[in-house]
Amino acid sequence: MIEHWIEHNESHIESFKEWAQKAKKDGFLDASEDILGAASKIEEANKYLNKAKEELFH
């Protein structure tokens, strides 16, 4: 299940980064930064999930 969550999060990260770029292009700089901040938090969550996966399977 953890691997699924990690992969699912990765797809969200990619999508968030794409939308942040679109927002920035359209002049919504603060919104762009907030979206990138959300992507960063998901990346952080994946670090914890990867650590948990290692702890469970090693």
PDB file of N, CA and C in Angstrom:
ATOM      1  N   MET A   1       0.817  -1.193   0.000  1.00  0.00           N
ATOM      2  CA  MET A   1       0.000   0.000   0.000  1.00  0.00           C
ATOM      3  C   MET A   1       0.861   1.257   0.000  1.00  0.00           C
ATOM      4  N   ILE A   2       1.976   1.211   0.745  1.00  0.00           N
ATOM      5  CA  ILE A   2       2.844   2.390   0.821  1.00  0.00           C
ATOM      6  C   ILE A   2       3.366   2.767  -0.564  1.00  0.00           C
ATOM      7  N   GLU A   3       3.754   1.774  -1.325  1.00  0.00           N
ATOM      8  CA  GLU A   3       4.266   2.058  -2.674  1.00  0.00           C
ATOM      9  C   GLU A   3       3.197   2.759  -3.518  1.00  0.00           C
ATOM     10  N   HIS A   4       1.976   2.330  -3.378  1.00  0.00           N
ATOM     11  CA  HIS A   4       0.865   2.971  -4.097  1.00  0.00           C
ATOM     12  C   HIS A   4       0.734   4.431  -3.680  1.00  0.00           C
ATOM     13  N   TRP A   5       0.806   4.695  -2.383  1.00  0.00           N
ATOM     14  CA  TRP A   5       0.683   6.073  -1.894  1.00  0.00           C
ATOM     15  C   TRP A   5       1.800   6.948  -2.451  1.00  0.00           C
ATOM     16  N   ILE A   6       3.012   6.409  -2.476  1.00  0.00           N
ATOM     17  CA  ILE A   6       4.157   7.165  -3.000  1.00  0.00           C
ATOM     18  C   ILE A   6       3.938   7.502  -4.468  1.00  0.00           C
ATOM     19  N   GLU A   7       3.546   6.513  -5.252  1.00  0.00           N
ATOM     20  CA  GLU A   7       3.303   6.739  -6.682  1.00  0.00           C
ATOM     21  C   GLU A   7       2.162   7.730  -6.891  1.00  0.00           C
ATOM     22  N   HIS A   8       1.117   7.599  -6.114  1.00  0.00           N
ATOM     23  CA  HIS A   8      -0.023   8.504  -6.210  1.00  0.00           C
ATOM     24  C   HIS A   8       0.418   9.939  -5.899  1.00  0.00           C
ATOM     25  N   ASN A   9       1.200  10.088  -4.840  1.00  0.00           N
ATOM     26  CA  ASN A   9       1.709  11.407  -4.493  1.00  0.00           C
ATOM     27  C   ASN A   9       2.577  11.991  -5.597  1.00  0.00           C
ATOM     28  N   GLU A  10       3.394  11.155  -6.231  1.00  0.00           N
ATOM     29  CA  GLU A  10       4.262  11.629  -7.314  1.00  0.00           C
ATOM     30  C   GLU A  10       3.432  12.228  -8.452  1.00  0.00           C
ATOM     31  N   SER A  11       2.312  11.610  -8.761  1.00  0.00           N
ATOM     32  CA  SER A  11       1.472  12.155  -9.832  1.00  0.00           C
ATOM     33  C   SER A  11       0.895  13.511  -9.431  1.00  0.00           C
ATOM     34  N   HIS A  12       0.560  13.657  -8.154  1.00  0.00           N
ATOM     35  CA  HIS A  12       0.070  14.950  -7.675  1.00  0.00           C
ATOM     36  C   HIS A  12       1.168  16.012  -7.718  1.00  0.00           C
ATOM     37  N   ILE A  13       2.360  15.638  -7.340  1.00  0.00           N
ATOM     38  CA  ILE A  13       3.484  16.580  -7.366  1.00  0.00           C
ATOM     39  C   ILE A  13       3.679  17.118  -8.774  1.00  0.00           C
ATOM     40  N   GLU A  14       3.694  16.237  -9.747  1.00  0.00           N
ATOM     41  CA  GLU A  14       3.862  16.655 -11.142  1.00  0.00           C
ATOM     42  C   GLU A  14       2.749  17.604 -11.564  1.00  0.00           C
ATOM     43  N   SER A  15       1.523  17.255 -11.223  1.00  0.00           N
ATOM     44  CA  SER A  15       0.375  18.084 -11.582  1.00  0.00           C
ATOM     45  C   SER A  15       0.461  19.454 -10.908  1.00  0.00           C
ATOM     46  N   PHE A  16       0.806  19.484  -9.631  1.00  0.00           N
ATOM     47  CA  PHE A  16       0.920  20.745  -8.914  1.00  0.00           C
ATOM     48  C   PHE A  16       1.966  21.643  -9.563  1.00  0.00           C
ATOM     49  N   LYS A  17       3.099  21.065  -9.932  1.00  0.00           N
ATOM     50  CA  LYS A  17       4.163  21.860 -10.552  1.00  0.00           C
ATOM     51  C   LYS A  17       3.721  22.422 -11.902  1.00  0.00           C
ATOM     52  N   GLU A  18       2.982  21.643 -12.665  1.00  0.00           N
ATOM     53  CA  GLU A  18       2.458  22.128 -13.946  1.00  0.00           C
ATOM     54  C   GLU A  18       1.506  23.298 -13.721  1.00  0.00           C
ATOM     55  N   TRP A  19       0.610  23.157 -12.754  1.00  0.00           N
ATOM     56  CA  TRP A  19      -0.359  24.221 -12.487  1.00  0.00           C
ATOM     57  C   TRP A  19       0.300  25.451 -11.876  1.00  0.00           C
ATOM     58  N   ALA A  20       1.339  25.250 -11.103  1.00  0.00           N
ATOM     59  CA  ALA A  20       2.080  26.389 -10.555  1.00  0.00           C
ATOM     60  C   ALA A  20       2.713  27.189 -11.681  1.00  0.00           C
ATOM     61  N   GLN A  21       3.242  26.494 -12.657  1.00  0.00           N
ATOM     62  CA  GLN A  21       3.846  27.183 -13.809  1.00  0.00           C
ATOM     63  C   GLN A  21       2.783  27.959 -14.588  1.00  0.00           C
ATOM     64  N   LYS A  22       1.623  27.350 -14.784  1.00  0.00           N
ATOM     65  CA  LYS A  22       0.533  28.032 -15.490  1.00  0.00           C
ATOM     66  C   LYS A  22       0.087  29.274 -14.717  1.00  0.00           C
ATOM     67  N   ALA A  23      -0.048  29.142 -13.400  1.00  0.00           N
ATOM     68  CA  ALA A  23      -0.458  30.280 -12.575  1.00  0.00           C
ATOM     69  C   ALA A  23       0.571  31.400 -12.664  1.00  0.00           C
ATOM     70  N   LYS A  24       1.834  31.031 -12.602  1.00  0.00           N
ATOM     71  CA  LYS A  24       2.909  32.029 -12.692  1.00  0.00           C
ATOM     72  C   LYS A  24       2.871  32.742 -14.036  1.00  0.00           C
ATOM     73  N   LYS A  25       2.689  31.973 -15.096  1.00  0.00           N
ATOM     74  CA  LYS A  25       2.626  32.539 -16.455  1.00  0.00           C
ATOM     75  C   LYS A  25       1.483  33.544 -16.567  1.00  0.00           C
ATOM     76  N   ASP A  26       0.385  33.269 -15.875  1.00  0.00           N
ATOM     77  CA  ASP A  26      -0.789  34.143 -15.927  1.00  0.00           C
ATOM     78  C   ASP A  26      -0.723  35.279 -14.902  1.00  0.00           C
ATOM     79  N   GLY A  27       0.405  35.390 -14.214  1.00  0.00           N
ATOM     80  CA  GLY A  27       0.602  36.501 -13.297  1.00  0.00           C
ATOM     81  C   GLY A  27       0.163  36.262 -11.867  1.00  0.00           C
ATOM     82  N   PHE A  28      -0.221  35.058 -11.542  1.00  0.00           N
ATOM     83  CA  PHE A  28      -0.653  34.722 -10.182  1.00  0.00           C
ATOM     84  C   PHE A  28       0.547  34.192  -9.395  1.00  0.00           C
ATOM     85  N   LEU A  29       1.465  35.088  -9.091  1.00  0.00           N
ATOM     86  CA  LEU A  29       2.732  34.687  -8.491  1.00  0.00           C
ATOM     87  C   LEU A  29       2.565  34.102  -7.096  1.00  0.00           C
ATOM     88  N   ASP A  30       1.723  34.726  -6.274  1.00  0.00           N
ATOM     89  CA  ASP A  30       1.514  34.197  -4.921  1.00  0.00           C
ATOM     90  C   ASP A  30       0.873  32.816  -4.967  1.00  0.00           C
ATOM     91  N   ALA A  31      -0.118  32.655  -5.816  1.00  0.00           N
ATOM     92  CA  ALA A  31      -0.777  31.349  -5.939  1.00  0.00           C
ATOM     93  C   ALA A  31       0.218  30.299  -6.441  1.00  0.00           C
ATOM     94  N   SER A  32       1.054  30.691  -7.377  1.00  0.00           N
ATOM     95  CA  SER A  32       2.068  29.779  -7.902  1.00  0.00           C
ATOM     96  C   SER A  32       2.986  29.292  -6.783  1.00  0.00           C
ATOM     97  N   GLU A  33       3.443  30.223  -5.947  1.00  0.00           N
ATOM     98  CA  GLU A  33       4.311  29.863  -4.832  1.00  0.00           C
ATOM     99  C   GLU A  33       3.590  28.954  -3.838  1.00  0.00           C
ATOM    100  N   ASP A  34       2.322  29.215  -3.596  1.00  0.00           N
ATOM    101  CA  ASP A  34       1.549  28.375  -2.671  1.00  0.00           C
ATOM    102  C   ASP A  34       1.390  26.957  -3.217  1.00  0.00           C
ATOM    103  N   ILE A  35       1.141  26.851  -4.499  1.00  0.00           N
ATOM    104  CA  ILE A  35       1.006  25.521  -5.120  1.00  0.00           C
ATOM    105  C   ILE A  35       2.330  24.772  -5.038  1.00  0.00           C
ATOM    106  N   LEU A  36       3.436  25.483  -5.290  1.00  0.00           N
ATOM    107  CA  LEU A  36       4.750  24.846  -5.170  1.00  0.00           C
ATOM    108  C   LEU A  36       5.019  24.437  -3.721  1.00  0.00           C
ATOM    109  N   GLY A  37       4.532  25.240  -2.771  1.00  0.00           N
ATOM    110  CA  GLY A  37       4.668  24.882  -1.362  1.00  0.00           C
ATOM    111  C   GLY A  37       3.932  23.598  -1.040  1.00  0.00           C
ATOM    112  N   ALA A  38       2.753  23.447  -1.616  1.00  0.00           N
ATOM    113  CA  ALA A  38       1.989  22.211  -1.421  1.00  0.00           C
ATOM    114  C   ALA A  38       2.734  21.018  -2.018  1.00  0.00           C
ATOM    115  N   ALA A  39       3.318  21.208  -3.193  1.00  0.00           N
ATOM    116  CA  ALA A  39       4.097  20.137  -3.825  1.00  0.00           C
ATOM    117  C   ALA A  39       5.268  19.745  -2.935  1.00  0.00           C
ATOM    118  N   SER A  40       5.901  20.731  -2.334  1.00  0.00           N
ATOM    119  CA  SER A  40       7.031  20.472  -1.447  1.00  0.00           C
ATOM    120  C   SER A  40       6.609  19.639  -0.232  1.00  0.00           C
ATOM    121  N   LYS A  41       5.441  19.924   0.300  1.00  0.00           N
ATOM    122  CA  LYS A  41       4.942  19.158   1.448  1.00  0.00           C
ATOM    123  C   LYS A  41       4.665  17.710   1.063  1.00  0.00           C
ATOM    124  N   ILE A  42       4.165  17.502  -0.142  1.00  0.00           N
ATOM    125  CA  ILE A  42       3.915  16.131  -0.601  1.00  0.00           C
ATOM    126  C   ILE A  42       5.245  15.400  -0.799  1.00  0.00           C
ATOM    127  N   GLU A  43       6.248  16.116  -1.317  1.00  0.00           N
ATOM    128  CA  GLU A  43       7.578  15.513  -1.440  1.00  0.00           C
ATOM    129  C   GLU A  43       8.110  15.114  -0.062  1.00  0.00           C
ATOM    130  N   GLU A  44       7.869  15.955   0.931  1.00  0.00           N
ATOM    131  CA  GLU A  44       8.282  15.646   2.293  1.00  0.00           C
ATOM    132  C   GLU A  44       7.533  14.413   2.810  1.00  0.00           C
ATOM    133  N   ALA A  45       6.252  14.338   2.525  1.00  0.00           N
ATOM    134  CA  ALA A  45       5.469  13.166   2.937  1.00  0.00           C
ATOM    135  C   ALA A  45       6.041  11.898   2.312  1.00  0.00           C
ATOM    136  N   ASN A  46       6.447  11.980   1.054  1.00  0.00           N
ATOM    137  CA  ASN A  46       7.018  10.807   0.394  1.00  0.00           C
ATOM    138  C   ASN A  46       8.329  10.374   1.041  1.00  0.00           C
ATOM    139  N   LYS A  47       9.104  11.320   1.559  1.00  0.00           N
ATOM    140  CA  LYS A  47      10.327  10.949   2.272  1.00  0.00           C
ATOM    141  C   LYS A  47       9.979  10.087   3.483  1.00  0.00           C
ATOM    142  N   TYR A  48       8.944  10.496   4.213  1.00  0.00           N
ATOM    143  CA  TYR A  48       8.515   9.712   5.379  1.00  0.00           C
ATOM    144  C   TYR A  48       7.962   8.352   4.958  1.00  0.00           C
ATOM    145  N   LEU A  49       7.202   8.332   3.878  1.00  0.00           N
ATOM    146  CA  LEU A  49       6.655   7.059   3.408  1.00  0.00           C
ATOM    147  C   LEU A  49       7.764   6.117   2.950  1.00  0.00           C
ATOM    148  N   ASN A  50       8.764   6.646   2.270  1.00  0.00           N
ATOM    149  CA  ASN A  50       9.902   5.819   1.853  1.00  0.00           C
ATOM    150  C   ASN A  50      10.656   5.278   3.065  1.00  0.00           C
ATOM    151  N   LYS A  51      10.809   6.106   4.085  1.00  0.00           N
ATOM    152  CA  LYS A  51      11.472   5.658   5.310  1.00  0.00           C
ATOM    153  C   LYS A  51      10.661   4.543   5.970  1.00  0.00           C
ATOM    154  N   ALA A  52       9.357   4.731   6.040  1.00  0.00           N
ATOM    155  CA  ALA A  52       8.490   3.691   6.618  1.00  0.00           C
ATOM    156  C   ALA A  52       8.578   2.397   5.823  1.00  0.00           C
ATOM    157  N   LYS A  53       8.618   2.518   4.498  1.00  0.00           N
ATOM    158  CA  LYS A  53       8.713   1.332   3.651  1.00  0.00           C
ATOM    159  C   LYS A  53      10.006   0.573   3.948  1.00  0.00           C
ATOM    160  N   GLU A  54      11.104   1.305   4.075  1.00  0.00           N
ATOM    161  CA  GLU A  54      12.383   0.656   4.393  1.00  0.00           C
ATOM    162  C   GLU A  54      12.334  -0.031   5.756  1.00  0.00           C
ATOM    163  N   GLU A  55      11.707   0.631   6.722  1.00  0.00           N
ATOM    164  CA  GLU A  55      11.621   0.062   8.070  1.00  0.00           C
ATOM    165  C   GLU A  55      10.757  -1.189   8.098  1.00  0.00           C
ATOM    166  N   LEU A  56       9.743  -1.219   7.279  1.00  0.00           N
ATOM    167  CA  LEU A  56       8.844  -2.373   7.249  1.00  0.00           C
ATOM    168  C   LEU A  56       9.436  -3.564   6.493  1.00  0.00           C
ATOM    169  N   PHE A  57      10.229  -3.295   5.477  1.00  0.00           N
ATOM    170  CA  PHE A  57      10.686  -4.366   4.592  1.00  0.00           C
ATOM    171  C   PHE A  57      12.166  -4.684   4.678  1.00  0.00           C
ATOM    172  N   HIS A  58      12.850  -4.145   5.706  1.00  0.00           N
ATOM    173  CA  HIS A  58      14.264  -4.495   5.866  1.00  0.00           C
ATOM    174  C   HIS A  58      14.543  -5.045   7.214  1.00  0.00           C
TER     175      HIS A  58
END
